[in-house]
């Protein structure tokens, strides 16, 4: 099993600002994260699956 990612890891993987990851979470958007105590953690495969589910191309 791979290590869980924090919000910083998700931001780095997706190439977005850390604040964007926090905003997504507040809006119910973005990859699924789980609360572990006071921390939010993401399974890397969930982040990758979410990314792959996004439509290709730029609008």
Protein backbone atom coordinates (compact mmCIF):
# COMPACT_ATOMS: atom_id res chain seq x y z
CA UNK A 1 0.00 0.00 0.00
CA UNK A 2 1.26 3.44 -0.88
CA UNK A 3 1.41 6.22 1.68
CA UNK A 4 -1.55 8.53 2.01
CA UNK A 5 -1.26 12.05 0.63
CA UNK A 6 -1.93 15.30 2.40
CA UNK A 7 -3.44 18.35 0.69
CA UNK A 8 0.05 19.58 -0.24
CA UNK A 9 0.77 16.34 -2.09
CA UNK A 10 -2.51 16.58 -3.99
CA UNK A 11 -1.77 20.18 -4.97
CA UNK A 12 1.71 19.22 -6.19
CA UNK A 13 0.42 16.24 -8.17
CA UNK A 14 -2.32 18.27 -9.87
CA UNK A 15 -0.17 21.39 -10.30
CA UNK A 16 -2.64 23.68 -8.53
CA UNK A 17 -2.23 26.02 -5.56
CA UNK A 18 -2.77 24.47 -2.14
CA UNK A 19 -5.62 26.89 -1.47
CA UNK A 20 -7.45 25.47 -4.50
CA UNK A 21 -7.45 22.00 -2.92
CA UNK A 22 -8.93 23.48 0.29
CA UNK A 23 -11.58 25.38 -1.68
CA UNK A 24 -12.54 22.26 -3.61
CA UNK A 25 -12.99 20.34 -0.38
CA UNK A 26 -15.25 23.05 1.09
CA UNK A 27 -17.36 23.01 -2.09
CA UNK A 28 -17.63 19.22 -2.30
CA UNK A 29 -15.54 19.14 -5.47
CA UNK A 30 -12.24 17.47 -6.23
CA UNK A 31 -10.85 14.11 -5.22
CA UNK A 32 -12.33 12.31 -2.24
CA UNK A 33 -10.47 12.92 0.99
CA UNK A 34 -10.92 11.41 4.42
CA UNK A 35 -10.59 13.00 7.84
CA UNK A 36 -8.15 11.23 10.11
CA UNK A 37 -8.33 13.09 13.39
CA UNK A 38 -7.82 16.72 12.47
CA UNK A 39 -6.04 15.88 9.20
CA UNK A 40 -7.37 15.31 5.69
CA UNK A 41 -5.70 12.51 3.78
CA UNK A 42 -6.14 11.22 0.25
CA UNK A 43 -5.47 7.85 -1.31
CA UNK A 44 -3.19 8.48 -4.31
CA UNK A 45 -5.26 6.12 -6.46
CA UNK A 46 -8.43 8.13 -5.64
CA UNK A 47 -6.72 11.35 -6.74
CA UNK A 48 -5.47 9.70 -9.93
CA UNK A 49 -8.92 8.21 -10.64
CA UNK A 50 -10.57 11.61 -10.11
CA UNK A 51 -8.07 13.23 -12.47
CA UNK A 52 -8.62 10.56 -15.13
CA UNK A 53 -12.39 11.07 -14.89
CA UNK A 54 -12.08 14.71 -15.87
CA UNK A 55 -12.99 15.58 -19.45
CA UNK A 56 -10.04 15.98 -21.78
CA UNK A 57 -9.28 19.27 -23.46
CA UNK A 58 -9.59 22.85 -22.42
CA UNK A 59 -12.84 24.73 -22.61
